[in-house]
Amino acid sequence: MTDQIAGAEGAPLARPELHTVLLELERELDADPAEVFDLLVPQLAPADGHTKFAVYPHCLTAVMQGDWWYRGEYRVSAAPRGARVSYTVVNVAQEQHEGGNLISKSTVAAAPDAFARRLDALEDSLR
């Protein structure tokens, strides 16, 4: 499978030099990492028309970049139980970077619950 990029410009695999990791979450699933990634990607694809989105199957990574500060990275890797899914929220604001750290608080606060719901649904679809 080749890298698939959706959206106007896609979201680059590499973070910009100026960035701040705001939150990292992870959970293990009892499933094959490639299968988990294939089920996860359709759940992530934005429908808003302005969020940049890119899928990098060679490293089981999907990246969303929207608004002026937000970057979300989902990675799937091998783990003792099968697959580890990680989600990282990153402030990538190049101007007013500290403002991105402040405005991100509600997104960061909501992320653990949203991540848990997403992976619960993914586990249900694996059964």
N, C-alpha and C. Protein backbone atom coordinates (compact mmCIF):
# COMPACT_ATOMS: atom_id res chain seq x y z
N MET A 1 0.84 -1.17 0.00
CA MET A 1 0.00 0.00 0.00
C MET A 1 0.89 1.24 0.00
N THR A 2 0.56 2.19 -0.83
CA THR A 2 1.36 3.42 -0.88
C THR A 2 0.75 4.46 0.05
N ASP A 3 1.52 5.48 0.34
CA ASP A 3 1.00 6.55 1.18
C ASP A 3 -0.16 7.23 0.46
N GLN A 4 -1.22 7.49 1.20
CA GLN A 4 -2.40 8.14 0.65
C GLN A 4 -2.57 9.46 1.36
N ILE A 5 -2.68 10.50 0.60
CA ILE A 5 -2.83 11.81 1.19
C ILE A 5 -4.18 12.37 0.78
N ALA A 6 -4.98 12.78 1.74
CA ALA A 6 -6.28 13.39 1.48
C ALA A 6 -6.23 14.83 1.92
N GLY A 7 -7.08 15.64 1.37
CA GLY A 7 -7.11 17.06 1.73
C GLY A 7 -6.29 17.87 0.76
N ALA A 8 -6.38 19.17 0.87
CA ALA A 8 -5.76 20.07 -0.10
C ALA A 8 -4.26 19.85 -0.21
N GLU A 9 -3.57 19.84 0.90
CA GLU A 9 -2.11 19.70 0.86
C GLU A 9 -1.61 18.50 1.65
N GLY A 10 -2.51 17.80 2.29
CA GLY A 10 -2.09 16.71 3.14
C GLY A 10 -1.45 17.23 4.41
N ALA A 11 -1.16 16.35 5.31
CA ALA A 11 -0.49 16.71 6.56
C ALA A 11 0.86 15.99 6.54
N PRO A 12 1.94 16.71 6.65
CA PRO A 12 3.26 16.08 6.56
C PRO A 12 3.51 15.10 7.69
N LEU A 13 4.29 14.09 7.40
CA LEU A 13 4.65 13.11 8.42
C LEU A 13 5.50 13.74 9.51
N ALA A 14 6.42 14.59 9.14
CA ALA A 14 7.31 15.24 10.11
C ALA A 14 6.64 16.46 10.73
N ARG A 15 6.87 16.62 12.02
CA ARG A 15 6.39 17.81 12.72
C ARG A 15 7.27 19.00 12.33
N PRO A 16 6.70 20.21 12.37
CA PRO A 16 7.56 21.37 12.15
C PRO A 16 8.55 21.51 13.30
N GLU A 17 9.62 22.25 13.06
CA GLU A 17 10.65 22.40 14.09
C GLU A 17 10.07 22.98 15.38
N LEU A 18 9.23 24.00 15.24
CA LEU A 18 8.59 24.59 16.42
C LEU A 18 7.30 23.83 16.68
N HIS A 19 7.29 23.05 17.75
CA HIS A 19 6.09 22.30 18.14
C HIS A 19 6.18 21.96 19.63
N THR A 20 5.02 21.73 20.22
CA THR A 20 4.95 21.32 21.61
C THR A 20 3.98 20.16 21.72
N VAL A 21 4.45 19.03 22.24
CA VAL A 21 3.56 17.90 22.50
C VAL A 21 2.73 18.25 23.72
N LEU A 22 1.40 18.22 23.55
CA LEU A 22 0.49 18.60 24.63
C LEU A 22 -0.09 17.40 25.37
N LEU A 23 -0.20 16.26 24.68
CA LEU A 23 -0.81 15.08 25.28
C LEU A 23 -0.41 13.85 24.49
N GLU A 24 -0.14 12.76 25.20
CA GLU A 24 0.12 11.47 24.56
C GLU A 24 -0.72 10.42 25.27
N LEU A 25 -1.48 9.67 24.48
CA LEU A 25 -2.31 8.58 25.00
C LEU A 25 -1.96 7.31 24.26
N GLU A 26 -2.12 6.17 24.93
CA GLU A 26 -1.91 4.90 24.22
C GLU A 26 -2.72 3.80 24.89
N ARG A 27 -2.98 2.78 24.08
CA ARG A 27 -3.72 1.61 24.57
C ARG A 27 -3.37 0.42 23.70
N GLU A 28 -3.30 -0.74 24.33
CA GLU A 28 -3.02 -1.97 23.59
C GLU A 28 -4.32 -2.69 23.25
N LEU A 29 -4.34 -3.29 22.07
CA LEU A 29 -5.47 -4.08 21.61
C LEU A 29 -4.98 -5.46 21.24
N ASP A 30 -5.82 -6.43 21.41
CA ASP A 30 -5.50 -7.81 21.06
C ASP A 30 -5.86 -8.04 19.60
N ALA A 31 -5.00 -7.53 18.70
CA ALA A 31 -5.26 -7.63 17.26
C ALA A 31 -3.99 -7.33 16.49
N ASP A 32 -4.00 -7.69 15.24
CA ASP A 32 -2.88 -7.43 14.34
C ASP A 32 -2.76 -5.92 14.08
N PRO A 33 -1.56 -5.34 14.20
CA PRO A 33 -1.41 -3.90 14.00
C PRO A 33 -1.92 -3.41 12.64
N ALA A 34 -1.65 -4.13 11.57
CA ALA A 34 -2.11 -3.68 10.25
C ALA A 34 -3.63 -3.69 10.17
N GLU A 35 -4.26 -4.68 10.77
CA GLU A 35 -5.73 -4.74 10.77
C GLU A 35 -6.30 -3.58 11.58
N VAL A 36 -5.71 -3.29 12.71
CA VAL A 36 -6.15 -2.17 13.54
C VAL A 36 -6.02 -0.86 12.75
N PHE A 37 -4.90 -0.66 12.09
CA PHE A 37 -4.68 0.56 11.32
C PHE A 37 -5.72 0.70 10.21
N ASP A 38 -5.99 -0.38 9.51
CA ASP A 38 -6.97 -0.34 8.41
C ASP A 38 -8.37 0.00 8.92
N LEU A 39 -8.72 -0.42 10.12
CA LEU A 39 -10.02 -0.09 10.69
C LEU A 39 -10.05 1.33 11.28
N LEU A 40 -8.91 1.79 11.76
CA LEU A 40 -8.82 3.10 12.40
C LEU A 40 -8.90 4.25 11.39
N VAL A 41 -8.22 4.12 10.28
CA VAL A 41 -8.11 5.23 9.33
C VAL A 41 -9.46 5.79 8.88
N PRO A 42 -10.43 4.96 8.50
CA PRO A 42 -11.71 5.54 8.09
C PRO A 42 -12.40 6.33 9.20
N GLN A 43 -12.15 5.98 10.45
CA GLN A 43 -12.73 6.71 11.58
C GLN A 43 -12.11 8.10 11.73
N LEU A 44 -10.90 8.27 11.23
CA LEU A 44 -10.17 9.52 11.43
C LEU A 44 -10.37 10.53 10.32
N ALA A 45 -10.69 10.06 9.13
CA ALA A 45 -10.76 10.95 7.96
C ALA A 45 -11.73 12.10 8.22
N PRO A 46 -11.24 13.33 8.17
CA PRO A 46 -12.09 14.49 8.46
C PRO A 46 -13.07 14.75 7.33
N ALA A 47 -14.23 15.26 7.70
CA ALA A 47 -15.26 15.58 6.71
C ALA A 47 -15.50 17.08 6.63
N ASP A 48 -14.65 17.86 7.30
CA ASP A 48 -14.90 19.30 7.38
C ASP A 48 -14.38 20.08 6.18
N GLY A 49 -13.58 19.48 5.34
CA GLY A 49 -13.10 20.15 4.14
C GLY A 49 -11.91 21.06 4.32
N HIS A 50 -11.50 21.34 5.55
CA HIS A 50 -10.33 22.20 5.71
C HIS A 50 -9.20 21.55 6.52
N THR A 51 -9.48 20.47 7.22
CA THR A 51 -8.43 19.78 7.98
C THR A 51 -7.57 18.99 7.01
N LYS A 52 -6.27 19.17 7.11
CA LYS A 52 -5.33 18.40 6.31
C LYS A 52 -5.23 17.01 6.91
N PHE A 53 -5.14 16.00 6.06
CA PHE A 53 -5.14 14.62 6.53
C PHE A 53 -4.24 13.80 5.63
N ALA A 54 -3.42 12.97 6.22
CA ALA A 54 -2.55 12.09 5.43
C ALA A 54 -2.40 10.76 6.13
N VAL A 55 -2.30 9.71 5.33
CA VAL A 55 -2.14 8.35 5.82
C VAL A 55 -0.81 7.83 5.31
N TYR A 56 0.00 7.29 6.22
CA TYR A 56 1.32 6.77 5.89
C TYR A 56 1.37 5.29 6.29
N PRO A 57 0.86 4.41 5.42
CA PRO A 57 0.79 2.98 5.76
C PRO A 57 2.15 2.34 6.06
N HIS A 58 3.22 2.84 5.44
CA HIS A 58 4.53 2.22 5.65
C HIS A 58 4.97 2.29 7.11
N CYS A 59 4.43 3.26 7.87
CA CYS A 59 4.77 3.36 9.29
C CYS A 59 3.51 3.38 10.16
N LEU A 60 2.39 2.92 9.59
CA LEU A 60 1.11 2.82 10.30
C LEU A 60 0.80 4.10 11.08
N THR A 61 0.84 5.22 10.36
CA THR A 61 0.63 6.53 10.96
C THR A 61 -0.38 7.33 10.15
N ALA A 62 -1.26 8.01 10.85
CA ALA A 62 -2.20 8.95 10.22
C ALA A 62 -2.06 10.28 10.93
N VAL A 63 -2.06 11.37 10.15
CA VAL A 63 -1.85 12.70 10.70
C VAL A 63 -2.97 13.62 10.25
N MET A 64 -3.51 14.36 11.20
CA MET A 64 -4.51 15.39 10.92
C MET A 64 -3.93 16.72 11.37
N GLN A 65 -4.11 17.74 10.55
CA GLN A 65 -3.63 19.06 10.92
C GLN A 65 -4.70 20.07 10.54
N GLY A 66 -5.21 20.78 11.55
CA GLY A 66 -6.29 21.73 11.30
C GLY A 66 -6.20 22.92 12.23
N ASP A 67 -7.10 23.84 12.03
CA ASP A 67 -7.07 25.10 12.76
C ASP A 67 -5.68 25.71 12.58
N TRP A 68 -5.25 26.53 13.47
CA TRP A 68 -3.95 27.17 13.31
C TRP A 68 -2.90 26.56 14.24
N TRP A 69 -3.36 25.70 15.16
CA TRP A 69 -2.41 25.15 16.12
C TRP A 69 -2.42 23.63 16.18
N TYR A 70 -3.52 22.99 15.79
CA TYR A 70 -3.76 21.57 16.08
C TYR A 70 -3.08 20.62 15.11
N ARG A 71 -2.48 19.59 15.68
CA ARG A 71 -1.98 18.44 14.92
C ARG A 71 -2.28 17.20 15.77
N GLY A 72 -2.93 16.22 15.16
CA GLY A 72 -3.21 14.96 15.83
C GLY A 72 -2.51 13.84 15.09
N GLU A 73 -1.80 13.01 15.81
CA GLU A 73 -1.05 11.89 15.21
C GLU A 73 -1.53 10.58 15.82
N TYR A 74 -1.95 9.67 14.97
CA TYR A 74 -2.28 8.31 15.40
C TYR A 74 -1.23 7.38 14.84
N ARG A 75 -0.68 6.55 15.72
CA ARG A 75 0.31 5.55 15.31
C ARG A 75 -0.10 4.20 15.85
N VAL A 76 0.11 3.17 15.04
CA VAL A 76 -0.15 1.80 15.48
C VAL A 76 1.17 1.05 15.37
N SER A 77 1.50 0.32 16.42
CA SER A 77 2.75 -0.45 16.42
C SER A 77 2.49 -1.81 17.06
N ALA A 78 3.46 -2.69 16.90
CA ALA A 78 3.36 -4.02 17.51
C ALA A 78 3.53 -3.88 19.03
N ALA A 79 2.81 -4.72 19.76
CA ALA A 79 2.87 -4.72 21.22
C ALA A 79 2.69 -6.15 21.70
N PRO A 80 3.00 -6.41 22.97
CA PRO A 80 2.85 -7.78 23.48
C PRO A 80 1.47 -8.39 23.25
N ARG A 81 0.40 -7.61 23.41
CA ARG A 81 -0.96 -8.12 23.20
C ARG A 81 -1.34 -8.14 21.72
N GLY A 82 -0.60 -7.46 20.89
CA GLY A 82 -0.93 -7.40 19.46
C GLY A 82 -0.61 -6.05 18.87
N ALA A 83 -1.41 -5.02 19.23
CA ALA A 83 -1.22 -3.69 18.65
C ALA A 83 -1.28 -2.63 19.74
N ARG A 84 -0.43 -1.64 19.62
CA ARG A 84 -0.48 -0.46 20.49
C ARG A 84 -0.91 0.71 19.62
N VAL A 85 -1.98 1.37 20.04
CA VAL A 85 -2.46 2.56 19.34
C VAL A 85 -2.09 3.76 20.20
N SER A 86 -1.41 4.72 19.60
CA SER A 86 -1.07 5.94 20.33
C SER A 86 -1.66 7.14 19.61
N TYR A 87 -2.03 8.12 20.40
CA TYR A 87 -2.58 9.37 19.89
C TYR A 87 -1.82 10.50 20.55
N THR A 88 -1.31 11.41 19.75
CA THR A 88 -0.54 12.53 20.26
C THR A 88 -1.17 13.82 19.76
N VAL A 89 -1.41 14.77 20.66
CA VAL A 89 -1.90 16.09 20.32
C VAL A 89 -0.72 17.04 20.39
N VAL A 90 -0.50 17.78 19.29
CA VAL A 90 0.67 18.63 19.18
C VAL A 90 0.25 20.05 18.80
N ASN A 91 0.83 21.03 19.47
CA ASN A 91 0.67 22.44 19.09
C ASN A 91 1.72 22.74 18.03
N VAL A 92 1.28 23.05 16.82
CA VAL A 92 2.21 23.36 15.73
C VAL A 92 2.12 24.81 15.28
N ALA A 93 1.52 25.66 16.11
CA ALA A 93 1.42 27.08 15.76
C ALA A 93 2.81 27.66 15.59
N GLN A 94 3.04 28.27 14.47
CA GLN A 94 4.34 28.87 14.20
C GLN A 94 4.39 30.32 14.68
N GLU A 95 3.23 30.97 14.65
CA GLU A 95 3.11 32.31 15.22
C GLU A 95 2.19 32.17 16.41
N GLN A 96 2.40 32.96 17.41
CA GLN A 96 1.58 32.92 18.63
C GLN A 96 1.54 31.50 19.21
N HIS A 97 2.71 30.87 19.29
CA HIS A 97 2.81 29.49 19.77
C HIS A 97 2.24 29.34 21.18
N GLU A 98 2.54 30.27 22.06
CA GLU A 98 2.01 30.20 23.43
C GLU A 98 0.49 30.29 23.42
N GLY A 99 -0.07 31.04 22.49
CA GLY A 99 -1.52 31.11 22.35
C GLY A 99 -2.11 29.76 22.01
N GLY A 100 -1.41 28.98 21.19
CA GLY A 100 -1.84 27.63 20.87
C GLY A 100 -1.86 26.74 22.09
N ASN A 101 -0.86 26.91 22.96
CA ASN A 101 -0.83 26.13 24.21
C ASN A 101 -2.04 26.46 25.08
N LEU A 102 -2.45 27.73 25.09
CA LEU A 102 -3.59 28.14 25.92
C LEU A 102 -4.92 27.71 25.32
N ILE A 103 -5.10 27.92 24.04
CA ILE A 103 -6.39 27.62 23.40
C ILE A 103 -6.64 26.12 23.29
N SER A 104 -5.63 25.33 23.40
CA SER A 104 -5.75 23.87 23.25
C SER A 104 -6.35 23.17 24.47
N LYS A 105 -6.53 23.87 25.55
CA LYS A 105 -6.93 23.23 26.81
C LYS A 105 -8.22 22.41 26.70
N SER A 106 -9.23 22.89 26.01
CA SER A 106 -10.48 22.13 25.91
C SER A 106 -10.30 20.89 25.04
N THR A 107 -9.52 21.01 23.98
CA THR A 107 -9.24 19.86 23.12
C THR A 107 -8.48 18.79 23.89
N VAL A 108 -7.47 19.21 24.63
CA VAL A 108 -6.66 18.28 25.42
C VAL A 108 -7.52 17.63 26.51
N ALA A 109 -8.40 18.40 27.15
CA ALA A 109 -9.25 17.85 28.21
C ALA A 109 -10.22 16.81 27.67
N ALA A 110 -10.72 17.01 26.45
CA ALA A 110 -11.70 16.09 25.86
C ALA A 110 -11.05 14.86 25.23
N ALA A 111 -9.78 14.93 24.95
CA ALA A 111 -9.10 13.87 24.19
C ALA A 111 -9.11 12.49 24.85
N PRO A 112 -8.85 12.34 26.15
CA PRO A 112 -8.83 10.99 26.72
C PRO A 112 -10.16 10.25 26.56
N ASP A 113 -11.28 10.93 26.79
CA ASP A 113 -12.58 10.29 26.65
C ASP A 113 -12.86 9.94 25.19
N ALA A 114 -12.56 10.86 24.28
CA ALA A 114 -12.78 10.60 22.85
C ALA A 114 -11.91 9.44 22.37
N PHE A 115 -10.67 9.39 22.82
CA PHE A 115 -9.75 8.31 22.46
C PHE A 115 -10.29 6.97 22.96
N ALA A 116 -10.74 6.94 24.20
CA ALA A 116 -11.28 5.70 24.78
C ALA A 116 -12.51 5.23 24.01
N ARG A 117 -13.42 6.15 23.68
CA ARG A 117 -14.62 5.77 22.91
C ARG A 117 -14.24 5.24 21.53
N ARG A 118 -13.30 5.90 20.88
CA ARG A 118 -12.87 5.47 19.55
C ARG A 118 -12.29 4.06 19.60
N LEU A 119 -11.45 3.78 20.59
CA LEU A 119 -10.82 2.46 20.67
C LEU A 119 -11.80 1.40 21.17
N ASP A 120 -12.76 1.78 22.00
CA ASP A 120 -13.81 0.84 22.38
C ASP A 120 -14.58 0.39 21.13
N ALA A 121 -14.95 1.34 20.28
CA ALA A 121 -15.67 1.02 19.05
C ALA A 121 -14.81 0.16 18.12
N LEU A 122 -13.53 0.46 18.07
CA LEU A 122 -12.61 -0.31 17.23
C LEU A 122 -12.52 -1.75 17.75
N GLU A 123 -12.41 -1.93 19.05
CA GLU A 123 -12.38 -3.28 19.62
C GLU A 123 -13.67 -4.03 19.32
N ASP A 124 -14.80 -3.34 19.40
CA ASP A 124 -16.09 -3.98 19.07
C ASP A 124 -16.10 -4.47 17.63
N SER A 125 -15.55 -3.68 16.73
CA SER A 125 -15.55 -4.08 15.31
C SER A 125 -14.57 -5.21 15.04
N LEU A 126 -13.62 -5.43 15.92
CA LEU A 126 -12.66 -6.54 15.76
C LEU A 126 -13.24 -7.88 16.21
N ARG A 127 -14.31 -7.83 16.98
CA ARG A 127 -14.91 -9.07 17.51
C ARG A 127 -15.76 -9.75 16.48
